[in-house]
């Protein structure tokens, strides 16, 4: 499933749209960036409420392709600019991390991917 398909399935707002629409290999949910560095998988989505520039730096470090910001959190300009520079998509949803994680698990389970 590609990034834009994930965004559409989540009814998400695409907040940083300058990215290559690549396959998303799975997802990881965490608000602790050191946990993301240790456990997130290459090519996946990060589900979080951490809306700041450091989230993008960690995503780039572990090759996250899309950051899903939950709870309609406001996005600072420097975060969006950093994501644009790195080609990382940022999408925003109204739901919390639990709900989004469940939705993505279902999507990937039916698509044959990993959550």
N, C-alpha and C. Protein backbone atom coordinates (compact mmCIF):
# COMPACT_ATOMS: atom_id res chain seq x y z
N UNK A 1 0.85 -1.17 0.00
CA UNK A 1 0.00 0.00 0.00
C UNK A 1 0.90 1.24 0.00
N UNK A 2 0.60 2.16 -0.90
CA UNK A 2 1.41 3.37 -1.02
C UNK A 2 0.96 4.45 -0.02
N UNK A 3 1.81 5.45 0.17
CA UNK A 3 1.56 6.50 1.15
C UNK A 3 0.21 7.17 0.91
N UNK A 4 -0.09 7.54 -0.32
CA UNK A 4 -1.35 8.23 -0.59
C UNK A 4 -2.55 7.31 -0.35
N UNK A 5 -2.39 6.02 -0.54
CA UNK A 5 -3.46 5.06 -0.24
C UNK A 5 -3.69 4.98 1.27
N UNK A 6 -2.59 4.99 2.02
CA UNK A 6 -2.70 5.00 3.49
C UNK A 6 -3.43 6.26 3.94
N UNK A 7 -3.03 7.41 3.40
CA UNK A 7 -3.67 8.67 3.77
C UNK A 7 -5.16 8.64 3.46
N UNK A 8 -5.51 8.14 2.30
CA UNK A 8 -6.92 8.08 1.91
C UNK A 8 -7.70 7.12 2.82
N UNK A 9 -7.11 5.98 3.13
CA UNK A 9 -7.78 5.00 3.99
C UNK A 9 -8.02 5.54 5.40
N UNK A 10 -7.13 6.41 5.86
CA UNK A 10 -7.26 7.01 7.19
C UNK A 10 -8.05 8.31 7.17
N UNK A 11 -8.46 8.74 5.98
CA UNK A 11 -9.14 10.02 5.82
C UNK A 11 -8.26 11.14 6.42
N UNK A 12 -6.98 11.05 6.10
CA UNK A 12 -5.99 11.96 6.68
C UNK A 12 -5.76 13.18 5.79
N UNK A 13 -5.35 14.24 6.43
CA UNK A 13 -4.91 15.45 5.75
C UNK A 13 -3.43 15.28 5.41
N UNK A 14 -3.07 15.47 4.15
CA UNK A 14 -1.65 15.42 3.76
C UNK A 14 -1.07 16.81 4.00
N UNK A 15 -0.21 16.90 4.98
CA UNK A 15 0.33 18.20 5.41
C UNK A 15 1.67 18.53 4.77
N UNK A 16 2.43 17.52 4.41
CA UNK A 16 3.70 17.69 3.71
C UNK A 16 3.61 16.76 2.51
N UNK A 17 3.44 17.35 1.34
CA UNK A 17 3.10 16.56 0.15
C UNK A 17 4.25 16.37 -0.84
N UNK A 18 5.42 16.85 -0.51
CA UNK A 18 6.56 16.69 -1.42
C UNK A 18 7.35 15.45 -1.03
N UNK A 19 6.86 14.30 -1.52
CA UNK A 19 7.48 13.01 -1.22
C UNK A 19 7.22 12.07 -2.38
N UNK A 20 8.01 11.03 -2.45
CA UNK A 20 7.78 9.98 -3.43
C UNK A 20 6.73 9.04 -2.85
N UNK A 21 5.71 8.74 -3.63
CA UNK A 21 4.60 7.91 -3.16
C UNK A 21 4.99 6.43 -3.22
N UNK A 22 5.75 6.01 -2.22
CA UNK A 22 6.30 4.66 -2.18
C UNK A 22 5.43 3.73 -1.34
N UNK A 23 5.72 2.45 -1.44
CA UNK A 23 5.03 1.45 -0.63
C UNK A 23 5.40 1.65 0.84
N UNK A 24 4.41 1.50 1.70
CA UNK A 24 4.63 1.55 3.15
C UNK A 24 4.68 0.10 3.61
N UNK A 25 5.76 -0.27 4.27
CA UNK A 25 5.99 -1.67 4.60
C UNK A 25 5.37 -2.12 5.92
N UNK A 26 4.87 -1.19 6.70
CA UNK A 26 4.30 -1.52 8.01
C UNK A 26 4.15 -0.24 8.80
N UNK A 27 3.99 -0.38 10.10
CA UNK A 27 3.80 0.80 10.94
C UNK A 27 4.34 0.53 12.34
N UNK A 28 4.71 1.61 13.00
CA UNK A 28 5.17 1.54 14.40
C UNK A 28 4.55 2.71 15.14
N UNK A 29 4.04 2.44 16.33
CA UNK A 29 3.39 3.47 17.14
C UNK A 29 4.22 3.74 18.38
N UNK A 30 4.64 4.98 18.55
CA UNK A 30 5.37 5.36 19.75
C UNK A 30 5.47 6.88 19.82
N UNK A 31 5.51 7.38 21.05
CA UNK A 31 5.75 8.80 21.29
C UNK A 31 7.13 9.02 21.90
N UNK A 32 7.86 7.95 22.09
CA UNK A 32 9.21 8.02 22.65
C UNK A 32 10.20 7.83 21.50
N UNK A 33 10.88 8.89 21.13
CA UNK A 33 11.71 8.84 19.93
C UNK A 33 12.87 7.86 20.04
N UNK A 34 13.41 7.65 21.22
CA UNK A 34 14.47 6.64 21.37
C UNK A 34 13.91 5.23 21.11
N UNK A 35 12.66 5.00 21.47
CA UNK A 35 12.00 3.73 21.18
C UNK A 35 11.83 3.56 19.67
N UNK A 36 11.47 4.62 18.99
CA UNK A 36 11.33 4.57 17.53
C UNK A 36 12.68 4.23 16.90
N UNK A 37 13.75 4.86 17.36
CA UNK A 37 15.08 4.57 16.81
C UNK A 37 15.46 3.11 17.01
N UNK A 38 15.08 2.54 18.13
CA UNK A 38 15.45 1.16 18.43
C UNK A 38 14.57 0.12 17.76
N UNK A 39 13.31 0.46 17.46
CA UNK A 39 12.38 -0.60 17.07
C UNK A 39 11.61 -0.40 15.77
N UNK A 40 11.54 0.79 15.24
CA UNK A 40 10.78 1.00 14.00
C UNK A 40 11.48 0.31 12.83
N UNK A 41 10.69 -0.15 11.89
CA UNK A 41 11.23 -0.86 10.73
C UNK A 41 11.40 0.06 9.53
N UNK A 42 12.40 -0.24 8.75
CA UNK A 42 12.71 0.48 7.52
C UNK A 42 11.50 0.53 6.58
N UNK A 43 11.20 1.73 6.07
CA UNK A 43 10.14 1.88 5.08
C UNK A 43 8.73 1.92 5.62
N UNK A 44 8.59 2.05 6.93
CA UNK A 44 7.27 2.03 7.53
C UNK A 44 6.71 3.41 7.84
N UNK A 45 5.56 3.38 8.49
CA UNK A 45 4.90 4.60 8.97
C UNK A 45 5.16 4.73 10.46
N UNK A 46 5.27 5.96 10.93
CA UNK A 46 5.36 6.24 12.35
C UNK A 46 4.07 6.90 12.79
N UNK A 47 3.40 6.31 13.77
CA UNK A 47 2.16 6.84 14.32
C UNK A 47 2.51 7.47 15.66
N UNK A 48 2.23 8.78 15.81
CA UNK A 48 2.69 9.50 17.00
C UNK A 48 1.89 10.78 17.22
N UNK A 49 2.10 11.39 18.38
CA UNK A 49 1.60 12.74 18.63
C UNK A 49 2.76 13.73 18.71
N UNK A 50 3.97 13.25 18.51
CA UNK A 50 5.16 14.09 18.61
C UNK A 50 5.31 14.95 17.36
N UNK A 51 4.75 16.13 17.40
CA UNK A 51 4.76 17.04 16.25
C UNK A 51 5.85 18.08 16.43
N UNK A 52 7.08 17.67 16.14
CA UNK A 52 8.19 18.61 16.18
C UNK A 52 9.32 18.13 15.27
N UNK A 53 10.27 18.98 15.05
CA UNK A 53 11.37 18.73 14.11
C UNK A 53 12.16 17.47 14.43
N UNK A 54 12.34 17.16 15.71
CA UNK A 54 13.12 15.98 16.08
C UNK A 54 12.46 14.68 15.61
N UNK A 55 11.15 14.68 15.49
CA UNK A 55 10.44 13.50 14.98
C UNK A 55 10.88 13.22 13.55
N UNK A 56 11.05 14.26 12.76
CA UNK A 56 11.50 14.10 11.38
C UNK A 56 12.93 13.57 11.35
N UNK A 57 13.79 14.08 12.23
CA UNK A 57 15.18 13.62 12.27
C UNK A 57 15.24 12.13 12.59
N UNK A 58 14.44 11.68 13.53
CA UNK A 58 14.41 10.26 13.87
C UNK A 58 13.83 9.45 12.72
N UNK A 59 12.78 9.95 12.10
CA UNK A 59 12.18 9.25 10.96
C UNK A 59 13.20 9.07 9.84
N UNK A 60 13.97 10.10 9.57
CA UNK A 60 14.99 10.01 8.53
C UNK A 60 16.06 9.00 8.91
N UNK A 61 16.43 8.98 10.18
CA UNK A 61 17.46 8.07 10.67
C UNK A 61 17.08 6.61 10.46
N UNK A 62 15.82 6.27 10.68
CA UNK A 62 15.39 4.86 10.57
C UNK A 62 14.61 4.59 9.28
N UNK A 63 14.63 5.55 8.35
CA UNK A 63 14.01 5.42 7.04
C UNK A 63 12.49 5.23 7.11
N UNK A 64 11.83 6.03 7.94
CA UNK A 64 10.37 6.08 7.98
C UNK A 64 9.92 6.86 6.75
N UNK A 65 8.88 6.37 6.06
CA UNK A 65 8.43 7.04 4.84
C UNK A 65 7.30 8.03 5.08
N UNK A 66 6.53 7.81 6.16
CA UNK A 66 5.40 8.70 6.44
C UNK A 66 5.21 8.80 7.95
N UNK A 67 5.01 10.02 8.42
CA UNK A 67 4.72 10.27 9.83
C UNK A 67 3.23 10.58 9.91
N UNK A 68 2.53 9.84 10.77
CA UNK A 68 1.10 10.04 10.99
C UNK A 68 0.94 10.75 12.33
N UNK A 69 0.54 12.01 12.28
CA UNK A 69 0.34 12.79 13.49
C UNK A 69 -1.13 12.66 13.91
N UNK A 70 -1.33 12.23 15.14
CA UNK A 70 -2.67 11.95 15.65
C UNK A 70 -3.23 13.12 16.47
N UNK A 71 -4.51 13.02 16.78
CA UNK A 71 -5.22 13.99 17.62
C UNK A 71 -5.23 15.40 17.04
N UNK A 72 -5.13 15.51 15.72
CA UNK A 72 -5.16 16.83 15.04
C UNK A 72 -4.16 17.82 15.62
N UNK A 73 -3.01 17.33 16.06
CA UNK A 73 -2.00 18.21 16.64
C UNK A 73 -1.55 19.26 15.64
N UNK A 74 -1.30 20.48 16.11
CA UNK A 74 -0.76 21.50 15.21
C UNK A 74 0.67 21.13 14.80
N UNK A 75 1.04 21.50 13.58
CA UNK A 75 2.36 21.16 13.05
C UNK A 75 3.19 22.42 12.88
N UNK A 76 4.34 22.48 13.54
CA UNK A 76 5.18 23.67 13.41
C UNK A 76 5.83 23.73 12.02
N UNK A 77 6.06 24.94 11.56
CA UNK A 77 6.64 25.14 10.23
C UNK A 77 8.00 24.46 10.09
N UNK A 78 8.83 24.48 11.14
CA UNK A 78 10.15 23.87 11.01
C UNK A 78 10.07 22.35 10.85
N UNK A 79 9.03 21.74 11.41
CA UNK A 79 8.83 20.30 11.21
C UNK A 79 8.47 20.01 9.76
N UNK A 80 7.54 20.79 9.22
CA UNK A 80 7.13 20.61 7.84
C UNK A 80 8.28 20.86 6.87
N UNK A 81 9.08 21.87 7.15
CA UNK A 81 10.23 22.18 6.30
C UNK A 81 11.27 21.06 6.34
N UNK A 82 11.54 20.52 7.53
CA UNK A 82 12.49 19.42 7.66
C UNK A 82 12.00 18.19 6.91
N UNK A 83 10.70 17.90 7.02
CA UNK A 83 10.13 16.75 6.31
C UNK A 83 10.22 16.95 4.79
N UNK A 84 9.98 18.17 4.34
CA UNK A 84 10.09 18.48 2.92
C UNK A 84 11.52 18.25 2.45
N UNK A 85 12.49 18.72 3.23
CA UNK A 85 13.90 18.55 2.88
C UNK A 85 14.29 17.08 2.79
N UNK A 86 13.69 16.24 3.62
CA UNK A 86 14.03 14.82 3.66
C UNK A 86 13.11 13.97 2.78
N UNK A 87 12.05 14.56 2.22
CA UNK A 87 11.12 13.81 1.39
C UNK A 87 10.24 12.85 2.18
N UNK A 88 9.97 13.20 3.44
CA UNK A 88 9.14 12.38 4.30
C UNK A 88 7.73 12.97 4.33
N UNK A 89 6.75 12.13 4.05
CA UNK A 89 5.35 12.58 4.08
C UNK A 89 4.92 12.79 5.52
N UNK A 90 4.09 13.81 5.73
CA UNK A 90 3.43 14.00 7.03
C UNK A 90 1.95 14.08 6.77
N UNK A 91 1.22 13.20 7.44
CA UNK A 91 -0.24 13.24 7.36
C UNK A 91 -0.79 13.41 8.77
N UNK A 92 -1.98 14.00 8.85
CA UNK A 92 -2.58 14.28 10.17
C UNK A 92 -3.99 13.72 10.20
N UNK A 93 -4.31 13.11 11.35
CA UNK A 93 -5.63 12.51 11.56
C UNK A 93 -6.24 13.04 12.85
N UNK A 94 -7.55 12.91 12.95
CA UNK A 94 -8.26 13.34 14.15
C UNK A 94 -8.17 12.30 15.27
N UNK A 95 -8.09 11.03 14.89
CA UNK A 95 -8.12 9.94 15.87
C UNK A 95 -6.83 9.86 16.69
N UNK A 96 -6.91 9.10 17.79
CA UNK A 96 -5.74 8.88 18.63
C UNK A 96 -4.88 7.74 18.08
N UNK A 97 -3.74 7.51 18.69
CA UNK A 97 -2.79 6.51 18.21
C UNK A 97 -3.38 5.10 18.24
N UNK A 98 -4.14 4.77 19.26
CA UNK A 98 -4.73 3.44 19.37
C UNK A 98 -5.63 3.16 18.17
N UNK A 99 -6.51 4.09 17.88
CA UNK A 99 -7.46 3.92 16.77
C UNK A 99 -6.72 3.81 15.44
N UNK A 100 -5.78 4.69 15.21
CA UNK A 100 -5.03 4.67 13.95
C UNK A 100 -4.20 3.39 13.82
N UNK A 101 -3.60 2.95 14.91
CA UNK A 101 -2.83 1.71 14.88
C UNK A 101 -3.72 0.53 14.48
N UNK A 102 -4.91 0.48 15.05
CA UNK A 102 -5.84 -0.59 14.71
C UNK A 102 -6.26 -0.54 13.25
N UNK A 103 -6.54 0.65 12.76
CA UNK A 103 -6.94 0.80 11.35
C UNK A 103 -5.81 0.35 10.43
N UNK A 104 -4.59 0.77 10.72
CA UNK A 104 -3.48 0.37 9.86
C UNK A 104 -3.19 -1.13 9.98
N UNK A 105 -3.34 -1.69 11.15
CA UNK A 105 -3.17 -3.13 11.30
C UNK A 105 -4.14 -3.86 10.39
N UNK A 106 -5.39 -3.44 10.39
CA UNK A 106 -6.40 -4.05 9.52
C UNK A 106 -6.02 -3.89 8.05
N UNK A 107 -5.62 -2.69 7.65
CA UNK A 107 -5.26 -2.46 6.26
C UNK A 107 -4.10 -3.35 5.82
N UNK A 108 -3.06 -3.41 6.63
CA UNK A 108 -1.91 -4.21 6.27
C UNK A 108 -2.21 -5.70 6.34
N UNK A 109 -3.02 -6.13 7.27
CA UNK A 109 -3.39 -7.54 7.37
C UNK A 109 -4.12 -7.99 6.11
N UNK A 110 -5.00 -7.15 5.60
CA UNK A 110 -5.77 -7.49 4.39
C UNK A 110 -4.94 -7.33 3.13
N UNK A 111 -3.92 -6.49 3.20
CA UNK A 111 -3.06 -6.25 2.02
C UNK A 111 -1.86 -7.19 1.98
N UNK A 112 -1.69 -7.98 3.04
CA UNK A 112 -0.56 -8.89 3.10
C UNK A 112 0.72 -8.27 3.59
N UNK A 113 0.67 -7.05 4.15
CA UNK A 113 1.86 -6.37 4.68
C UNK A 113 2.04 -6.69 6.14
N UNK A 114 2.91 -5.92 6.80
CA UNK A 114 3.15 -6.12 8.22
C UNK A 114 2.80 -4.86 8.97
N UNK A 115 2.34 -5.04 10.19
CA UNK A 115 1.99 -3.89 11.03
C UNK A 115 3.04 -3.68 12.09
